[in-house]
């Protein structure tokens, strides 16, 4: 079986990571409903998303309810 090719460096930055939440997605600090840009994240929301990504990268499954509330980007857009 051939070796799996390496992911190109341009595909691994923060701006290429997509976070999928109930009702919306977030990429490059922008909230999308479907394929439509809804808005940019506020500075405090960016901090919360960075904190979430860091904890997930460390393998933490136990995310505090406070952080979950800070990541609730989609409910105001429903």
PDB file of N, CA and C in Angstrom:
ATOM      1  N   UNK A   1       0.849  -1.168   0.000  1.00  0.00           N
ATOM      2  CA  UNK A   1       0.000   0.000   0.000  1.00  0.00           C
ATOM      3  C   UNK A   1       0.901   1.239   0.000  1.00  0.00           C
ATOM      4  N   UNK A   2       0.640   2.206  -0.872  1.00  0.00           N
ATOM      5  CA  UNK A   2       1.475   3.409  -0.925  1.00  0.00           C
ATOM      6  C   UNK A   2       1.313   4.259   0.335  1.00  0.00           C
ATOM      7  N   UNK A   3       2.354   5.007   0.632  1.00  0.00           N
ATOM      8  CA  UNK A   3       2.329   5.881   1.807  1.00  0.00           C
ATOM      9  C   UNK A   3       1.348   7.028   1.585  1.00  0.00           C
ATOM     10  N   UNK A   4       0.715   7.436   2.664  1.00  0.00           N
ATOM     11  CA  UNK A   4      -0.226   8.557   2.612  1.00  0.00           C
ATOM     12  C   UNK A   4       0.560   9.843   2.354  1.00  0.00           C
ATOM     13  N   UNK A   5       0.143  10.667   1.403  1.00  0.00           N
ATOM     14  CA  UNK A   5       0.879  11.905   1.133  1.00  0.00           C
ATOM     15  C   UNK A   5       0.758  12.884   2.300  1.00  0.00           C
ATOM     16  N   UNK A   6       1.765  13.703   2.459  1.00  0.00           N
ATOM     17  CA  UNK A   6       1.769  14.706   3.525  1.00  0.00           C
ATOM     18  C   UNK A   6       0.799  15.831   3.174  1.00  0.00           C
ATOM     19  N   UNK A   7       0.176  16.389   4.188  1.00  0.00           N
ATOM     20  CA  UNK A   7      -0.725  17.527   3.993  1.00  0.00           C
ATOM     21  C   UNK A   7       0.131  18.751   3.689  1.00  0.00           C
ATOM     22  N   UNK A   8      -0.184  19.494   2.635  1.00  0.00           N
ATOM     23  CA  UNK A   8       0.592  20.697   2.324  1.00  0.00           C
ATOM     24  C   UNK A   8       0.551  21.699   3.475  1.00  0.00           C
ATOM     25  N   UNK A   9       1.624  22.427   3.666  1.00  0.00           N
ATOM     26  CA  UNK A   9       1.730  23.380   4.771  1.00  0.00           C
ATOM     27  C   UNK A   9       0.621  24.429   4.736  1.00  0.00           C
ATOM     28  N   UNK A  10       0.181  24.806   3.540  1.00  0.00           N
ATOM     29  CA  UNK A  10      -0.854  25.840   3.447  1.00  0.00           C
ATOM     30  C   UNK A  10      -2.235  25.338   3.862  1.00  0.00           C
ATOM     31  N   UNK A  11      -2.357  24.065   4.154  1.00  0.00           N
ATOM     32  CA  UNK A  11      -3.650  23.496   4.562  1.00  0.00           C
ATOM     33  C   UNK A  11      -3.762  23.285   6.064  1.00  0.00           C
ATOM     34  N   UNK A  12      -2.812  23.760   6.833  1.00  0.00           N
ATOM     35  CA  UNK A  12      -2.845  23.462   8.258  1.00  0.00           C
ATOM     36  C   UNK A  12      -2.869  24.696   9.147  1.00  0.00           C
ATOM     37  N   UNK A  13      -3.080  25.863   8.585  1.00  0.00           N
ATOM     38  CA  UNK A  13      -3.125  27.078   9.388  1.00  0.00           C
ATOM     39  C   UNK A  13      -4.462  27.269  10.067  1.00  0.00           C
ATOM     40  N   UNK A  14      -4.505  28.213  11.019  1.00  0.00           N
ATOM     41  CA  UNK A  14      -5.748  28.525  11.717  1.00  0.00           C
ATOM     42  C   UNK A  14      -6.849  28.944  10.752  1.00  0.00           C
ATOM     43  N   UNK A  15      -6.462  29.619   9.689  1.00  0.00           N
ATOM     44  CA  UNK A  15      -7.466  30.127   8.752  1.00  0.00           C
ATOM     45  C   UNK A  15      -8.110  29.035   7.910  1.00  0.00           C
ATOM     46  N   UNK A  16      -7.564  27.825   7.936  1.00  0.00           N
ATOM     47  CA  UNK A  16      -8.141  26.732   7.151  1.00  0.00           C
ATOM     48  C   UNK A  16      -8.953  25.757   7.999  1.00  0.00           C
ATOM     49  N   UNK A  17      -8.910  25.914   9.317  1.00  0.00           N
ATOM     50  CA  UNK A  17      -9.648  25.022  10.206  1.00  0.00           C
ATOM     51  C   UNK A  17     -11.115  25.433  10.248  1.00  0.00           C
ATOM     52  N   UNK A  18     -12.000  24.465  10.062  1.00  0.00           N
ATOM     53  CA  UNK A  18     -13.434  24.724  10.113  1.00  0.00           C
ATOM     54  C   UNK A  18     -13.992  24.092  11.386  1.00  0.00           C
ATOM     55  N   UNK A  19     -14.693  24.892  12.172  1.00  0.00           N
ATOM     56  CA  UNK A  19     -15.372  24.416  13.374  1.00  0.00           C
ATOM     57  C   UNK A  19     -16.852  24.313  13.040  1.00  0.00           C
ATOM     58  N   UNK A  20     -17.420  23.139  13.267  1.00  0.00           N
ATOM     59  CA  UNK A  20     -18.820  22.898  12.942  1.00  0.00           C
ATOM     60  C   UNK A  20     -19.617  22.865  14.243  1.00  0.00           C
ATOM     61  N   UNK A  21     -20.525  23.804  14.379  1.00  0.00           N
ATOM     62  CA  UNK A  21     -21.397  23.890  15.546  1.00  0.00           C
ATOM     63  C   UNK A  21     -22.838  23.682  15.083  1.00  0.00           C
ATOM     64  N   UNK A  22     -23.733  23.473  16.024  1.00  0.00           N
ATOM     65  CA  UNK A  22     -25.142  23.303  15.674  1.00  0.00           C
ATOM     66  C   UNK A  22     -25.702  24.567  15.045  1.00  0.00           C
ATOM     67  N   UNK A  23     -25.962  24.538  13.768  1.00  0.00           N
ATOM     68  CA  UNK A  23     -26.577  25.681  13.097  1.00  0.00           C
ATOM     69  C   UNK A  23     -25.633  26.575  12.335  1.00  0.00           C
ATOM     70  N   UNK A  24     -24.330  26.461  12.567  1.00  0.00           N
ATOM     71  CA  UNK A  24     -23.390  27.311  11.837  1.00  0.00           C
ATOM     72  C   UNK A  24     -22.000  26.673  11.825  1.00  0.00           C
ATOM     73  N   UNK A  25     -21.133  27.246  11.013  1.00  0.00           N
ATOM     74  CA  UNK A  25     -19.724  26.865  11.010  1.00  0.00           C
ATOM     75  C   UNK A  25     -18.896  28.131  11.197  1.00  0.00           C
ATOM     76  N   UNK A  26     -17.671  27.948  11.677  1.00  0.00           N
ATOM     77  CA  UNK A  26     -16.762  29.071  11.871  1.00  0.00           C
ATOM     78  C   UNK A  26     -15.443  28.727  11.205  1.00  0.00           C
ATOM     79  N   UNK A  27     -14.978  29.619  10.354  1.00  0.00           N
ATOM     80  CA  UNK A  27     -13.676  29.472   9.709  1.00  0.00           C
ATOM     81  C   UNK A  27     -13.030  30.843   9.637  1.00  0.00           C
ATOM     82  N   UNK A  28     -11.759  30.909  10.025  1.00  0.00           N
ATOM     83  CA  UNK A  28     -10.995  32.154   9.978  1.00  0.00           C
ATOM     84  C   UNK A  28     -11.725  33.268  10.735  1.00  0.00           C
ATOM     85  N   UNK A  29     -12.311  32.896  11.881  1.00  0.00           N
ATOM     86  CA  UNK A  29     -13.036  33.825  12.754  1.00  0.00           C
ATOM     87  C   UNK A  29     -14.255  34.449  12.090  1.00  0.00           C
ATOM     88  N   UNK A  30     -14.841  33.751  11.129  1.00  0.00           N
ATOM     89  CA  UNK A  30     -16.053  34.213  10.460  1.00  0.00           C
ATOM     90  C   UNK A  30     -17.134  33.149  10.632  1.00  0.00           C
ATOM     91  N   UNK A  31     -18.347  33.592  10.955  1.00  0.00           N
ATOM     92  CA  UNK A  31     -19.473  32.692  11.175  1.00  0.00           C
ATOM     93  C   UNK A  31     -20.265  32.577   9.877  1.00  0.00           C
ATOM     94  N   UNK A  32     -20.530  31.327   9.482  1.00  0.00           N
ATOM     95  CA  UNK A  32     -21.294  31.052   8.262  1.00  0.00           C
ATOM     96  C   UNK A  32     -22.546  30.264   8.606  1.00  0.00           C
ATOM     97  N   UNK A  33     -23.652  30.630   7.974  1.00  0.00           N
ATOM     98  CA  UNK A  33     -24.877  29.846   8.009  1.00  0.00           C
ATOM     99  C   UNK A  33     -24.979  29.238   6.622  1.00  0.00           C
ATOM    100  N   UNK A  34     -24.804  27.933   6.542  1.00  0.00           N
ATOM    101  CA  UNK A  34     -24.677  27.306   5.226  1.00  0.00           C
ATOM    102  C   UNK A  34     -23.411  27.847   4.570  1.00  0.00           C
ATOM    103  N   UNK A  35     -23.541  28.384   3.381  1.00  0.00           N
ATOM    104  CA  UNK A  35     -22.393  28.977   2.683  1.00  0.00           C
ATOM    105  C   UNK A  35     -22.398  30.500   2.755  1.00  0.00           C
ATOM    106  N   UNK A  36     -23.336  31.068   3.528  1.00  0.00           N
ATOM    107  CA  UNK A  36     -23.487  32.516   3.607  1.00  0.00           C
ATOM    108  C   UNK A  36     -22.768  33.067   4.830  1.00  0.00           C
ATOM    109  N   UNK A  37     -21.917  34.069   4.622  1.00  0.00           N
ATOM    110  CA  UNK A  37     -21.234  34.736   5.728  1.00  0.00           C
ATOM    111  C   UNK A  37     -22.264  35.489   6.556  1.00  0.00           C
ATOM    112  N   UNK A  38     -22.312  35.198   7.855  1.00  0.00           N
ATOM    113  CA  UNK A  38     -23.255  35.867   8.751  1.00  0.00           C
ATOM    114  C   UNK A  38     -22.601  37.062   9.438  1.00  0.00           C
ATOM    115  N   UNK A  39     -21.369  36.859   9.943  1.00  0.00           N
ATOM    116  CA  UNK A  39     -20.672  37.947  10.633  1.00  0.00           C
ATOM    117  C   UNK A  39     -19.275  37.498  11.023  1.00  0.00           C
ATOM    118  N   UNK A  40     -18.464  38.459  11.441  1.00  0.00           N
ATOM    119  CA  UNK A  40     -17.152  38.170  12.018  1.00  0.00           C
ATOM    120  C   UNK A  40     -17.329  37.929  13.518  1.00  0.00           C
ATOM    121  N   UNK A  41     -16.438  37.133  14.086  1.00  0.00           N
ATOM    122  CA  UNK A  41     -16.464  36.942  15.531  1.00  0.00           C
ATOM    123  C   UNK A  41     -15.983  38.205  16.233  1.00  0.00           C
ATOM    124  N   UNK A  42     -16.531  38.433  17.420  1.00  0.00           N
ATOM    125  CA  UNK A  42     -16.086  39.533  18.273  1.00  0.00           C
ATOM    126  C   UNK A  42     -14.776  39.102  18.933  1.00  0.00           C
ATOM    127  N   UNK A  43     -13.962  40.057  19.406  1.00  0.00           N
ATOM    128  CA  UNK A  43     -12.671  39.691  20.021  1.00  0.00           C
ATOM    129  C   UNK A  43     -12.787  38.655  21.137  1.00  0.00           C
ATOM    130  N   UNK A  44     -13.795  38.790  22.001  1.00  0.00           N
ATOM    131  CA  UNK A  44     -13.934  37.821  23.103  1.00  0.00           C
ATOM    132  C   UNK A  44     -14.344  36.448  22.578  1.00  0.00           C
ATOM    133  N   UNK A  45     -15.075  36.401  21.466  1.00  0.00           N
ATOM    134  CA  UNK A  45     -15.445  35.128  20.859  1.00  0.00           C
ATOM    135  C   UNK A  45     -14.230  34.470  20.208  1.00  0.00           C
ATOM    136  N   UNK A  46     -13.356  35.276  19.637  1.00  0.00           N
ATOM    137  CA  UNK A  46     -12.110  34.744  19.065  1.00  0.00           C
ATOM    138  C   UNK A  46     -11.284  34.083  20.158  1.00  0.00           C
ATOM    139  N   UNK A  47     -11.200  34.752  21.319  1.00  0.00           N
ATOM    140  CA  UNK A  47     -10.454  34.182  22.447  1.00  0.00           C
ATOM    141  C   UNK A  47     -11.059  32.851  22.886  1.00  0.00           C
ATOM    142  N   UNK A  48     -12.390  32.799  22.960  1.00  0.00           N
ATOM    143  CA  UNK A  48     -13.066  31.562  23.367  1.00  0.00           C
ATOM    144  C   UNK A  48     -12.813  30.448  22.356  1.00  0.00           C
ATOM    145  N   UNK A  49     -12.863  30.773  21.068  1.00  0.00           N
ATOM    146  CA  UNK A  49     -12.623  29.764  20.037  1.00  0.00           C
ATOM    147  C   UNK A  49     -11.181  29.267  20.098  1.00  0.00           C
ATOM    148  N   UNK A  50     -10.230  30.169  20.306  1.00  0.00           N
ATOM    149  CA  UNK A  50      -8.826  29.766  20.434  1.00  0.00           C
ATOM    150  C   UNK A  50      -8.627  28.854  21.643  1.00  0.00           C
ATOM    151  N   UNK A  51      -9.291  29.180  22.754  1.00  0.00           N
ATOM    152  CA  UNK A  51      -9.205  28.358  23.964  1.00  0.00           C
ATOM    153  C   UNK A  51      -9.779  26.964  23.699  1.00  0.00           C
ATOM    154  N   UNK A  52     -10.920  26.909  23.029  1.00  0.00           N
ATOM    155  CA  UNK A  52     -11.557  25.640  22.668  1.00  0.00           C
ATOM    156  C   UNK A  52     -10.634  24.806  21.782  1.00  0.00           C
ATOM    157  N   UNK A  53     -10.065  25.426  20.749  1.00  0.00           N
ATOM    158  CA  UNK A  53      -9.186  24.705  19.818  1.00  0.00           C
ATOM    159  C   UNK A  53      -7.956  24.164  20.541  1.00  0.00           C
ATOM    160  N   UNK A  54      -7.406  24.960  21.444  1.00  0.00           N
ATOM    161  CA  UNK A  54      -6.222  24.529  22.201  1.00  0.00           C
ATOM    162  C   UNK A  54      -6.554  23.312  23.072  1.00  0.00           C
ATOM    163  N   UNK A  55      -7.694  23.362  23.758  1.00  0.00           N
ATOM    164  CA  UNK A  55      -8.085  22.247  24.625  1.00  0.00           C
ATOM    165  C   UNK A  55      -8.367  20.987  23.811  1.00  0.00           C
ATOM    166  N   UNK A  56      -9.013  21.139  22.672  1.00  0.00           N
ATOM    167  CA  UNK A  56      -9.283  19.980  21.816  1.00  0.00           C
ATOM    168  C   UNK A  56      -7.982  19.395  21.267  1.00  0.00           C
ATOM    169  N   UNK A  57      -7.030  20.250  20.899  1.00  0.00           N
ATOM    170  CA  UNK A  57      -5.746  19.773  20.383  1.00  0.00           C
ATOM    171  C   UNK A  57      -4.972  19.006  21.450  1.00  0.00           C
ATOM    172  N   UNK A  58      -5.183  19.363  22.715  1.00  0.00           N
ATOM    173  CA  UNK A  58      -4.534  18.661  23.820  1.00  0.00           C
ATOM    174  C   UNK A  58      -5.283  17.386  24.187  1.00  0.00           C
ATOM    175  N   UNK A  59      -6.396  17.132  23.508  1.00  0.00           N
ATOM    176  CA  UNK A  59      -7.157  15.913  23.751  1.00  0.00           C
ATOM    177  C   UNK A  59      -8.151  16.010  24.881  1.00  0.00           C
ATOM    178  N   UNK A  60      -8.411  17.217  25.357  1.00  0.00           N
ATOM    179  CA  UNK A  60      -9.367  17.376  26.451  1.00  0.00           C
ATOM    180  C   UNK A  60     -10.784  17.210  25.928  1.00  0.00           C
ATOM    181  N   UNK A  61     -11.501  16.268  26.511  1.00  0.00           N
ATOM    182  CA  UNK A  61     -12.903  16.059  26.159  1.00  0.00           C
ATOM    183  C   UNK A  61     -13.814  16.836  27.097  1.00  0.00           C
ATOM    184  N   UNK A  62     -13.277  17.185  28.251  1.00  0.00           N
ATOM    185  CA  UNK A  62     -14.050  17.842  29.296  1.00  0.00           C
ATOM    186  C   UNK A  62     -13.968  19.352  29.117  1.00  0.00           C
ATOM    187  N   UNK A  63     -14.899  19.920  28.374  1.00  0.00           N
ATOM    188  CA  UNK A  63     -14.917  21.356  28.129  1.00  0.00           C
ATOM    189  C   UNK A  63     -15.953  21.972  29.063  1.00  0.00           C
ATOM    190  N   UNK A  64     -15.567  23.029  29.778  1.00  0.00           N
ATOM    191  CA  UNK A  64     -16.458  23.628  30.772  1.00  0.00           C
ATOM    192  C   UNK A  64     -17.728  24.185  30.137  1.00  0.00           C
ATOM    193  N   UNK A  65     -18.793  24.227  30.937  1.00  0.00           N
ATOM    194  CA  UNK A  65     -20.059  24.772  30.426  1.00  0.00           C
ATOM    195  C   UNK A  65     -19.916  26.253  30.122  1.00  0.00           C
ATOM    196  N   UNK A  66     -19.050  26.957  30.863  1.00  0.00           N
ATOM    197  CA  UNK A  66     -18.800  28.374  30.583  1.00  0.00           C
ATOM    198  C   UNK A  66     -18.223  28.548  29.185  1.00  0.00           C
ATOM    199  N   UNK A  67     -17.277  27.713  28.823  1.00  0.00           N
ATOM    200  CA  UNK A  67     -16.679  27.803  27.490  1.00  0.00           C
ATOM    201  C   UNK A  67     -17.714  27.462  26.426  1.00  0.00           C
ATOM    202  N   UNK A  68     -18.557  26.469  26.688  1.00  0.00           N
ATOM    203  CA  UNK A  68     -19.612  26.129  25.724  1.00  0.00           C
ATOM    204  C   UNK A  68     -20.541  27.319  25.500  1.00  0.00           C
ATOM    205  N   UNK A  69     -20.875  28.048  26.564  1.00  0.00           N
ATOM    206  CA  UNK A  69     -21.729  29.227  26.415  1.00  0.00           C
ATOM    207  C   UNK A  69     -21.029  30.297  25.585  1.00  0.00           C
ATOM    208  N   UNK A  70     -19.742  30.462  25.781  1.00  0.00           N
ATOM    209  CA  UNK A  70     -18.988  31.470  25.028  1.00  0.00           C
ATOM    210  C   UNK A  70     -18.837  31.082  23.561  1.00  0.00           C
ATOM    211  N   UNK A  71     -19.039  29.798  23.248  1.00  0.00           N
ATOM    212  CA  UNK A  71     -18.929  29.321  21.866  1.00  0.00           C
ATOM    213  C   UNK A  71     -20.284  29.255  21.167  1.00  0.00           C
ATOM    214  N   UNK A  72     -21.312  29.772  21.779  1.00  0.00           N
ATOM    215  CA  UNK A  72     -22.662  29.672  21.222  1.00  0.00           C
ATOM    216  C   UNK A  72     -22.889  30.787  20.202  1.00  0.00           C
ATOM    217  N   UNK A  73     -22.240  30.665  19.048  1.00  0.00           N
ATOM    218  CA  UNK A  73     -22.277  31.705  18.020  1.00  0.00           C
ATOM    219  C   UNK A  73     -23.555  31.684  17.201  1.00  0.00           C
ATOM    220  N   UNK A  74     -24.261  30.571  17.190  1.00  0.00           N
ATOM    221  CA  UNK A  74     -25.332  30.368  16.210  1.00  0.00           C
ATOM    222  C   UNK A  74     -26.719  30.744  16.705  1.00  0.00           C
ATOM    223  N   UNK A  75     -26.957  30.697  18.012  1.00  0.00           N
ATOM    224  CA  UNK A  75     -28.331  30.884  18.484  1.00  0.00           C
ATOM    225  C   UNK A  75     -28.858  32.278  18.187  1.00  0.00           C
ATOM    226  N   UNK A  76     -28.010  33.291  18.225  1.00  0.00           N
ATOM    227  CA  UNK A  76     -28.481  34.647  17.943  1.00  0.00           C
ATOM    228  C   UNK A  76     -28.839  34.823  16.471  1.00  0.00           C
ATOM    229  N   UNK A  77     -28.400  33.895  15.629  1.00  0.00           N
ATOM    230  CA  UNK A  77     -28.621  34.021  14.194  1.00  0.00           C
ATOM    231  C   UNK A  77     -29.800  33.186  13.718  1.00  0.00           C
ATOM    232  N   UNK A  78     -30.385  32.391  14.608  1.00  0.00           N
ATOM    233  CA  UNK A  78     -31.479  31.503  14.195  1.00  0.00           C
ATOM    234  C   UNK A  78     -32.744  32.288  13.942  1.00  0.00           C
TER     235      UNK A  78
END
